[in-house]
PDB file of N, CA and C in Angstrom:
ATOM      1  N   UNK A   1     -13.423  28.982   9.660  1.00  0.00           N
ATOM      2  CA  UNK A   1     -12.190  28.423   9.162  1.00  0.00           C
ATOM      3  C   UNK A   1     -12.488  27.556   7.945  1.00  0.00           C
ATOM      4  N   UNK A   2     -11.778  27.801   6.863  1.00  0.00           N
ATOM      5  CA  UNK A   2     -11.977  27.064   5.628  1.00  0.00           C
ATOM      6  C   UNK A   2     -11.064  25.847   5.625  1.00  0.00           C
ATOM      7  N   UNK A   3     -11.647  24.650   5.544  1.00  0.00           N
ATOM      8  CA  UNK A   3     -10.869  23.422   5.538  1.00  0.00           C
ATOM      9  C   UNK A   3     -10.652  23.000   4.098  1.00  0.00           C
ATOM     10  N   UNK A   4      -9.389  22.936   3.622  1.00  0.00           N
ATOM     11  CA  UNK A   4      -9.130  22.659   2.207  1.00  0.00           C
ATOM     12  C   UNK A   4      -9.763  21.373   1.700  1.00  0.00           C
ATOM     13  N   UNK A   5      -9.769  20.289   2.484  1.00  0.00           N
ATOM     14  CA  UNK A   5     -10.292  19.030   1.966  1.00  0.00           C
ATOM     15  C   UNK A   5     -11.816  19.008   1.886  1.00  0.00           C
ATOM     16  N   UNK A   6     -12.478  20.028   2.406  1.00  0.00           N
ATOM     17  CA  UNK A   6     -13.935  20.099   2.314  1.00  0.00           C
ATOM     18  C   UNK A   6     -14.407  21.185   1.352  1.00  0.00           C
ATOM     19  N   UNK A   7     -13.455  21.900   0.744  1.00  0.00           N
ATOM     20  CA  UNK A   7     -13.820  22.922  -0.233  1.00  0.00           C
ATOM     21  C   UNK A   7     -14.081  22.277  -1.578  1.00  0.00           C
ATOM     22  N   UNK A   8     -15.069  22.789  -2.320  1.00  0.00           N
ATOM     23  CA  UNK A   8     -15.246  22.284  -3.675  1.00  0.00           C
ATOM     24  C   UNK A   8     -14.015  22.620  -4.511  1.00  0.00           C
ATOM     25  N   UNK A   9     -13.626  21.741  -5.399  1.00  0.00           N
ATOM     26  CA  UNK A   9     -12.526  22.001  -6.307  1.00  0.00           C
ATOM     27  C   UNK A   9     -12.971  23.094  -7.258  1.00  0.00           C
ATOM     28  N   UNK A  10     -12.074  23.984  -7.689  1.00  0.00           N
ATOM     29  CA  UNK A  10     -12.484  25.071  -8.599  1.00  0.00           C
ATOM     30  C   UNK A  10     -13.206  24.571  -9.845  1.00  0.00           C
ATOM     31  N   UNK A  11     -12.851  23.393 -10.338  1.00  0.00           N
ATOM     32  CA  UNK A  11     -13.500  22.876 -11.537  1.00  0.00           C
ATOM     33  C   UNK A  11     -14.921  22.385 -11.285  1.00  0.00           C
ATOM     34  N   UNK A  12     -15.318  22.261 -10.034  1.00  0.00           N
ATOM     35  CA  UNK A  12     -16.658  21.796  -9.705  1.00  0.00           C
ATOM     36  C   UNK A  12     -17.673  22.925  -9.646  1.00  0.00           C
ATOM     37  N   UNK A  13     -17.205  24.126  -9.704  1.00  0.00           N
ATOM     38  CA  UNK A  13     -18.104  25.252  -9.526  1.00  0.00           C
ATOM     39  C   UNK A  13     -18.356  25.467  -8.047  1.00  0.00           C
ATOM     40  N   UNK A  14     -19.382  26.221  -7.723  1.00  0.00           N
ATOM     41  CA  UNK A  14     -19.635  26.542  -6.316  1.00  0.00           C
ATOM     42  C   UNK A  14     -20.589  25.578  -5.642  1.00  0.00           C
ATOM     43  N   UNK A  15     -21.097  24.600  -6.383  1.00  0.00           N
ATOM     44  CA  UNK A  15     -22.053  23.661  -5.819  1.00  0.00           C
ATOM     45  C   UNK A  15     -21.331  22.575  -5.029  1.00  0.00           C
ATOM     46  N   UNK A  16     -21.448  22.587  -3.688  1.00  0.00           N
ATOM     47  CA  UNK A  16     -20.763  21.580  -2.898  1.00  0.00           C
ATOM     48  C   UNK A  16     -21.302  20.177  -3.108  1.00  0.00           C
ATOM     49  N   UNK A  17     -22.429  20.045  -3.802  1.00  0.00           N
ATOM     50  CA  UNK A  17     -22.964  18.729  -4.090  1.00  0.00           C
ATOM     51  C   UNK A  17     -22.232  18.019  -5.215  1.00  0.00           C
ATOM     52  N   UNK A  18     -21.301  18.713  -5.848  1.00  0.00           N
ATOM     53  CA  UNK A  18     -20.572  18.142  -6.966  1.00  0.00           C
ATOM     54  C   UNK A  18     -19.340  17.350  -6.542  1.00  0.00           C
ATOM     55  N   UNK A  19     -19.134  17.138  -5.289  1.00  0.00           N
ATOM     56  CA  UNK A  19     -17.994  16.353  -4.838  1.00  0.00           C
ATOM     57  C   UNK A  19     -18.391  15.591  -3.595  1.00  0.00           C
ATOM     58  N   UNK A  20     -17.633  14.577  -3.292  1.00  0.00           N
ATOM     59  CA  UNK A  20     -17.900  13.794  -2.090  1.00  0.00           C
ATOM     60  C   UNK A  20     -16.800  14.081  -1.074  1.00  0.00           C
ATOM     61  N   UNK A  21     -17.196  14.442   0.120  1.00  0.00           N
ATOM     62  CA  UNK A  21     -16.234  14.727   1.177  1.00  0.00           C
ATOM     63  C   UNK A  21     -15.743  13.424   1.785  1.00  0.00           C
ATOM     64  N   UNK A  22     -14.542  13.445   2.346  1.00  0.00           N
ATOM     65  CA  UNK A  22     -14.038  12.242   3.005  1.00  0.00           C
ATOM     66  C   UNK A  22     -15.004  11.690   4.052  1.00  0.00           C
ATOM     67  N   UNK A  23     -15.729  12.560   4.730  1.00  0.00           N
ATOM     68  CA  UNK A  23     -16.684  12.100   5.748  1.00  0.00           C
ATOM     69  C   UNK A  23     -17.799  11.269   5.111  1.00  0.00           C
ATOM     70  N   UNK A  24     -18.216  11.625   3.891  1.00  0.00           N
ATOM     71  CA  UNK A  24     -19.241  10.845   3.192  1.00  0.00           C
ATOM     72  C   UNK A  24     -18.707   9.461   2.830  1.00  0.00           C
ATOM     73  N   UNK A  25     -17.468   9.427   2.399  1.00  0.00           N
ATOM     74  CA  UNK A  25     -16.849   8.142   2.054  1.00  0.00           C
ATOM     75  C   UNK A  25     -16.706   7.278   3.299  1.00  0.00           C
ATOM     76  N   UNK A  26     -16.346   7.870   4.415  1.00  0.00           N
ATOM     77  CA  UNK A  26     -16.214   7.109   5.667  1.00  0.00           C
ATOM     78  C   UNK A  26     -17.567   6.568   6.109  1.00  0.00           C
ATOM     79  N   UNK A  27     -18.619   7.358   5.958  1.00  0.00           N
ATOM     80  CA  UNK A  27     -19.958   6.885   6.300  1.00  0.00           C
ATOM     81  C   UNK A  27     -20.348   5.704   5.408  1.00  0.00           C
ATOM     82  N   UNK A  28     -19.995   5.780   4.134  1.00  0.00           N
ATOM     83  CA  UNK A  28     -20.278   4.683   3.210  1.00  0.00           C
ATOM     84  C   UNK A  28     -19.529   3.420   3.633  1.00  0.00           C
ATOM     85  N   UNK A  29     -18.269   3.568   4.014  1.00  0.00           N
ATOM     86  CA  UNK A  29     -17.472   2.422   4.469  1.00  0.00           C
ATOM     87  C   UNK A  29     -18.102   1.796   5.707  1.00  0.00           C
ATOM     88  N   UNK A  30     -18.544   2.615   6.644  1.00  0.00           N
ATOM     89  CA  UNK A  30     -19.166   2.088   7.858  1.00  0.00           C
ATOM     90  C   UNK A  30     -20.458   1.339   7.540  1.00  0.00           C
ATOM     91  N   UNK A  31     -21.242   1.863   6.595  1.00  0.00           N
ATOM     92  CA  UNK A  31     -22.469   1.180   6.180  1.00  0.00           C
ATOM     93  C   UNK A  31     -22.151  -0.168   5.536  1.00  0.00           C
ATOM     94  N   UNK A  32     -21.114  -0.196   4.707  1.00  0.00           N
ATOM     95  CA  UNK A  32     -20.709  -1.439   4.056  1.00  0.00           C
ATOM     96  C   UNK A  32     -20.206  -2.451   5.081  1.00  0.00           C
ATOM     97  N   UNK A  33     -19.402  -1.993   6.042  1.00  0.00           N
ATOM     98  CA  UNK A  33     -18.923  -2.888   7.103  1.00  0.00           C
ATOM     99  C   UNK A  33     -20.098  -3.476   7.878  1.00  0.00           C
ATOM    100  N   UNK A  34     -21.068  -2.643   8.175  1.00  0.00           N
ATOM    101  CA  UNK A  34     -22.243  -3.089   8.910  1.00  0.00           C
ATOM    102  C   UNK A  34     -23.033  -4.118   8.107  1.00  0.00           C
ATOM    103  N   UNK A  35     -23.237  -3.850   6.821  1.00  0.00           N
ATOM    104  CA  UNK A  35     -23.985  -4.779   5.971  1.00  0.00           C
ATOM    105  C   UNK A  35     -23.246  -6.109   5.829  1.00  0.00           C
ATOM    106  N   UNK A  36     -21.943  -6.050   5.670  1.00  0.00           N
ATOM    107  CA  UNK A  36     -21.155  -7.279   5.566  1.00  0.00           C
ATOM    108  C   UNK A  36     -21.202  -8.076   6.868  1.00  0.00           C
ATOM    109  N   UNK A  37     -21.173  -7.377   7.984  1.00  0.00           N
ATOM    110  CA  UNK A  37     -21.172  -8.072   9.278  1.00  0.00           C
ATOM    111  C   UNK A  37     -22.478  -8.823   9.520  1.00  0.00           C
ATOM    112  N   UNK A  38     -23.577  -8.377   8.910  1.00  0.00           N
ATOM    113  CA  UNK A  38     -24.843  -9.096   9.019  1.00  0.00           C
ATOM    114  C   UNK A  38     -24.737 -10.506   8.449  1.00  0.00           C
ATOM    115  N   UNK A  39     -23.752 -10.703   7.575  1.00  0.00           N
ATOM    116  CA  UNK A  39     -23.540 -12.004   6.948  1.00  0.00           C
ATOM    117  C   UNK A  39     -22.277 -12.680   7.477  1.00  0.00           C
ATOM    118  N   UNK A  40     -21.731 -12.140   8.561  1.00  0.00           N
ATOM    119  CA  UNK A  40     -20.531 -12.727   9.153  1.00  0.00           C
ATOM    120  C   UNK A  40     -19.268 -12.469   8.361  1.00  0.00           C
ATOM    121  N   UNK A  41     -19.280 -11.414   7.553  1.00  0.00           N
ATOM    122  CA  UNK A  41     -18.128 -11.104   6.706  1.00  0.00           C
ATOM    123  C   UNK A  41     -17.400  -9.884   7.242  1.00  0.00           C
ATOM    124  N   UNK A  42     -16.085 -10.009   7.364  1.00  0.00           N
ATOM    125  CA  UNK A  42     -15.234  -8.890   7.761  1.00  0.00           C
ATOM    126  C   UNK A  42     -14.127  -8.751   6.733  1.00  0.00           C
ATOM    127  N   UNK A  43     -14.001  -7.573   6.168  1.00  0.00           N
ATOM    128  CA  UNK A  43     -12.879  -7.267   5.285  1.00  0.00           C
ATOM    129  C   UNK A  43     -11.939  -6.376   6.077  1.00  0.00           C
ATOM    130  N   UNK A  44     -10.846  -6.934   6.598  1.00  0.00           N
ATOM    131  CA  UNK A  44      -9.974  -6.185   7.508  1.00  0.00           C
ATOM    132  C   UNK A  44      -9.379  -4.913   6.913  1.00  0.00           C
ATOM    133  N   UNK A  45      -9.182  -4.908   5.598  1.00  0.00           N
ATOM    134  CA  UNK A  45      -8.552  -3.746   4.967  1.00  0.00           C
ATOM    135  C   UNK A  45      -9.556  -2.744   4.407  1.00  0.00           C
ATOM    136  N   UNK A  46     -10.837  -2.988   4.604  1.00  0.00           N
ATOM    137  CA  UNK A  46     -11.870  -2.088   4.090  1.00  0.00           C
ATOM    138  C   UNK A  46     -11.699  -0.716   4.711  1.00  0.00           C
ATOM    139  N   UNK A  47     -11.528   0.286   3.853  1.00  0.00           N
ATOM    140  CA  UNK A  47     -11.243   1.634   4.347  1.00  0.00           C
ATOM    141  C   UNK A  47     -11.467   2.651   3.239  1.00  0.00           C
ATOM    142  N   UNK A  48     -11.431   3.923   3.615  1.00  0.00           N
ATOM    143  CA  UNK A  48     -11.481   5.015   2.651  1.00  0.00           C
ATOM    144  C   UNK A  48     -10.081   5.178   2.073  1.00  0.00           C
ATOM    145  N   UNK A  49      -9.989   5.317   0.761  1.00  0.00           N
ATOM    146  CA  UNK A  49      -8.709   5.582   0.105  1.00  0.00           C
ATOM    147  C   UNK A  49      -8.490   7.092   0.123  1.00  0.00           C
ATOM    148  N   UNK A  50      -7.881   7.568   1.179  1.00  0.00           N
ATOM    149  CA  UNK A  50      -7.753   9.014   1.388  1.00  0.00           C
ATOM    150  C   UNK A  50      -6.922   9.709   0.319  1.00  0.00           C
ATOM    151  N   UNK A  51      -6.040   8.990  -0.340  1.00  0.00           N
ATOM    152  CA  UNK A  51      -5.217   9.614  -1.369  1.00  0.00           C
ATOM    153  C   UNK A  51      -6.072  10.186  -2.495  1.00  0.00           C
ATOM    154  N   UNK A  52      -7.257   9.611  -2.717  1.00  0.00           N
ATOM    155  CA  UNK A  52      -8.126  10.124  -3.775  1.00  0.00           C
ATOM    156  C   UNK A  52      -8.726  11.478  -3.426  1.00  0.00           C
ATOM    157  N   UNK A  53      -8.586  11.895  -2.190  1.00  0.00           N
ATOM    158  CA  UNK A  53      -9.060  13.223  -1.784  1.00  0.00           C
ATOM    159  C   UNK A  53      -7.920  14.232  -1.726  1.00  0.00           C
ATOM    160  N   UNK A  54      -6.727  13.834  -2.148  1.00  0.00           N
ATOM    161  CA  UNK A  54      -5.550  14.689  -2.005  1.00  0.00           C
ATOM    162  C   UNK A  54      -5.425  15.739  -3.093  1.00  0.00           C
ATOM    163  N   UNK A  55      -6.212  15.611  -4.143  1.00  0.00           N
ATOM    164  CA  UNK A  55      -6.096  16.544  -5.252  1.00  0.00           C
ATOM    165  C   UNK A  55      -5.214  16.001  -6.362  1.00  0.00           C
ATOM    166  N   UNK A  56      -4.660  14.804  -6.167  1.00  0.00           N
ATOM    167  CA  UNK A  56      -3.801  14.201  -7.183  1.00  0.00           C
ATOM    168  C   UNK A  56      -4.627  13.590  -8.310  1.00  0.00           C
ATOM    169  N   UNK A  57      -5.908  13.352  -8.064  1.00  0.00           N
ATOM    170  CA  UNK A  57      -6.785  12.751  -9.059  1.00  0.00           C
ATOM    171  C   UNK A  57      -7.634  13.835  -9.697  1.00  0.00           C
ATOM    172  N   UNK A  58      -8.108  13.597 -10.921  1.00  0.00           N
ATOM    173  CA  UNK A  58      -8.970  14.597 -11.564  1.00  0.00           C
ATOM    174  C   UNK A  58     -10.176  14.913 -10.684  1.00  0.00           C
ATOM    175  N   UNK A  59     -10.570  16.163 -10.640  1.00  0.00           N
ATOM    176  CA  UNK A  59     -11.643  16.586  -9.727  1.00  0.00           C
ATOM    177  C   UNK A  59     -13.000  15.977 -10.011  1.00  0.00           C
ATOM    178  N   UNK A  60     -13.236  15.470 -11.223  1.00  0.00           N
ATOM    179  CA  UNK A  60     -14.543  14.908 -11.545  1.00  0.00           C
ATOM    180  C   UNK A  60     -14.711  13.493 -11.011  1.00  0.00           C
ATOM    181  N   UNK A  61     -13.635  12.885 -10.513  1.00  0.00           N
ATOM    182  CA  UNK A  61     -13.730  11.528  -9.988  1.00  0.00           C
ATOM    183  C   UNK A  61     -14.116  11.553  -8.511  1.00  0.00           C
ATOM    184  N   UNK A  62     -15.029  10.693  -8.112  1.00  0.00           N
ATOM    185  CA  UNK A  62     -15.378  10.636  -6.689  1.00  0.00           C
ATOM    186  C   UNK A  62     -14.281   9.928  -5.902  1.00  0.00           C
ATOM    187  N   UNK A  63     -14.317  10.064  -4.595  1.00  0.00           N
ATOM    188  CA  UNK A  63     -13.371   9.350  -3.754  1.00  0.00           C
ATOM    189  C   UNK A  63     -13.565   7.849  -3.897  1.00  0.00           C
ATOM    190  N   UNK A  64     -12.531   7.111  -3.531  1.00  0.00           N
ATOM    191  CA  UNK A  64     -12.587   5.664  -3.660  1.00  0.00           C
ATOM    192  C   UNK A  64     -12.652   4.983  -2.304  1.00  0.00           C
ATOM    193  N   UNK A  65     -13.258   3.817  -2.296  1.00  0.00           N
ATOM    194  CA  UNK A  65     -13.271   2.946  -1.122  1.00  0.00           C
ATOM    195  C   UNK A  65     -12.345   1.791  -1.442  1.00  0.00           C
ATOM    196  N   UNK A  66     -11.386   1.550  -0.565  1.00  0.00           N
ATOM    197  CA  UNK A  66     -10.457   0.433  -0.738  1.00  0.00           C
ATOM    198  C   UNK A  66     -11.081  -0.803  -0.097  1.00  0.00           C
ATOM    199  N   UNK A  67     -11.463  -1.763  -0.933  1.00  0.00           N
ATOM    200  CA  UNK A  67     -12.060  -2.985  -0.411  1.00  0.00           C
ATOM    201  C   UNK A  67     -11.001  -3.866   0.248  1.00  0.00           C
ATOM    202  N   UNK A  68      -9.778  -3.709  -0.158  1.00  0.00           N
ATOM    203  CA  UNK A  68      -8.681  -4.380   0.515  1.00  0.00           C
ATOM    204  C   UNK A  68      -8.539  -5.845   0.190  1.00  0.00           C
ATOM    205  N   UNK A  69      -7.804  -6.494   1.045  1.00  0.00           N
ATOM    206  CA  UNK A  69      -7.489  -7.899   0.861  1.00  0.00           C
ATOM    207  C   UNK A  69      -8.229  -8.729   1.891  1.00  0.00           C
ATOM    208  N   UNK A  70      -8.485  -9.991   1.518  1.00  0.00           N
ATOM    209  CA  UNK A  70      -9.121 -10.909   2.456  1.00  0.00           C
ATOM    210  C   UNK A  70      -8.619 -12.319   2.165  1.00  0.00           C
ATOM    211  N   UNK A  71      -8.821 -13.206   3.112  1.00  0.00           N
ATOM    212  CA  UNK A  71      -8.389 -14.588   2.906  1.00  0.00           C
ATOM    213  C   UNK A  71      -9.406 -15.330   2.034  1.00  0.00           C
ATOM    214  N   UNK A  72      -9.053 -16.551   1.629  1.00  0.00           N
ATOM    215  CA  UNK A  72      -9.922 -17.325   0.739  1.00  0.00           C
ATOM    216  C   UNK A  72     -11.268 -17.640   1.374  1.00  0.00           C
ATOM    217  N   UNK A  73     -11.277 -17.937   2.659  1.00  0.00           N
ATOM    218  CA  UNK A  73     -12.542 -18.243   3.339  1.00  0.00           C
ATOM    219  C   UNK A  73     -13.494 -17.058   3.225  1.00  0.00           C
ATOM    220  N   UNK A  74     -12.987 -15.855   3.468  1.00  0.00           N
ATOM    221  CA  UNK A  74     -13.819 -14.655   3.392  1.00  0.00           C
ATOM    222  C   UNK A  74     -14.270 -14.406   1.960  1.00  0.00           C
ATOM    223  N   UNK A  75     -13.396 -14.599   0.994  1.00  0.00           N
ATOM    224  CA  UNK A  75     -13.758 -14.402  -0.413  1.00  0.00           C
ATOM    225  C   UNK A  75     -14.858 -15.377  -0.832  1.00  0.00           C
ATOM    226  N   UNK A  76     -14.762 -16.608  -0.376  1.00  0.00           N
ATOM    227  CA  UNK A  76     -15.788 -17.601  -0.710  1.00  0.00           C
ATOM    228  C   UNK A  76     -17.117 -17.263  -0.048  1.00  0.00           C
ATOM    229  N   UNK A  77     -17.065 -16.822   1.199  1.00  0.00           N
ATOM    230  CA  UNK A  77     -18.288 -16.435   1.899  1.00  0.00           C
ATOM    231  C   UNK A  77     -18.941 -15.242   1.209  1.00  0.00           C
ATOM    232  N   UNK A  78     -18.154 -14.283   0.821  1.00  0.00           N
ATOM    233  CA  UNK A  78     -18.675 -13.108   0.117  1.00  0.00           C
ATOM    234  C   UNK A  78     -19.316 -13.527  -1.204  1.00  0.00           C
ATOM    235  N   UNK A  79     -18.683 -14.418  -1.925  1.00  0.00           N
ATOM    236  CA  UNK A  79     -19.227 -14.938  -3.173  1.00  0.00           C
ATOM    237  C   UNK A  79     -20.573 -15.614  -2.953  1.00  0.00           C
ATOM    238  N   UNK A  80     -20.653 -16.436  -1.922  1.00  0.00           N
ATOM    239  CA  UNK A  80     -21.895 -17.141  -1.600  1.00  0.00           C
ATOM    240  C   UNK A  80     -23.021 -16.171  -1.278  1.00  0.00           C
ATOM    241  N   UNK A  81     -22.723 -15.174  -0.463  1.00  0.00           N
ATOM    242  CA  UNK A  81     -23.732 -14.179  -0.073  1.00  0.00           C
ATOM    243  C   UNK A  81     -24.199 -13.384  -1.288  1.00  0.00           C
ATOM    244  N   UNK A  82     -23.279 -12.961  -2.145  1.00  0.00           N
ATOM    245  CA  UNK A  82     -23.652 -12.183  -3.315  1.00  0.00           C
ATOM    246  C   UNK A  82     -24.492 -13.006  -4.295  1.00  0.00           C
ATOM    247  N   UNK A  83     -24.129 -14.260  -4.478  1.00  0.00           N
ATOM    248  CA  UNK A  83     -24.922 -15.132  -5.362  1.00  0.00           C
ATOM    249  C   UNK A  83     -26.320 -15.348  -4.815  1.00  0.00           C
ATOM    250  N   UNK A  84     -26.417 -15.555  -3.513  1.00  0.00           N
ATOM    251  CA  UNK A  84     -27.734 -15.759  -2.892  1.00  0.00           C
ATOM    252  C   UNK A  84     -28.595 -14.502  -3.048  1.00  0.00           C
ATOM    253  N   UNK A  85     -27.983 -13.344  -2.861  1.00  0.00           N
ATOM    254  CA  UNK A  85     -28.735 -12.089  -3.004  1.00  0.00           C
ATOM    255  C   UNK A  85     -29.190 -11.876  -4.444  1.00  0.00           C
ATOM    256  N   UNK A  86     -28.362 -12.249  -5.387  1.00  0.00           N
ATOM    257  CA  UNK A  86     -28.700 -12.079  -6.798  1.00  0.00           C
ATOM    258  C   UNK A  86     -29.843 -13.023  -7.208  1.00  0.00           C
ATOM    259  N   UNK A  87     -29.932 -14.161  -6.532  1.00  0.00           N
ATOM    260  CA  UNK A  87     -30.963 -15.155  -6.851  1.00  0.00           C
ATOM    261  C   UNK A  87     -32.340 -14.763  -6.312  1.00  0.00           C
ATOM    262  N   UNK A  88     -32.372 -13.848  -5.374  1.00  0.00           N
ATOM    263  CA  UNK A  88     -33.652 -13.447  -4.749  1.00  0.00           C
ATOM    264  C   UNK A  88     -34.492 -12.615  -5.680  1.00  0.00           C
TER     265      UNK A  88
END
């Protein structure tokens, strides 16, 4: 059975490596959630932006991850963690 959302777009040629499947984006989101949780950070709206896999966007663009919204405490914590990592 051919699943449309996992087929390469005609403009990508026949190489399935030329596009990212929604499952790859979901795996990336899970990895990001896991990495953030190591620092006590939760982004409640962090998710795969499935609309980018709908075919409405140009085929050369990869799928998007929606980082979403967070409160000020979370934004400040994220800033602190990123600055500390950059200083290492």
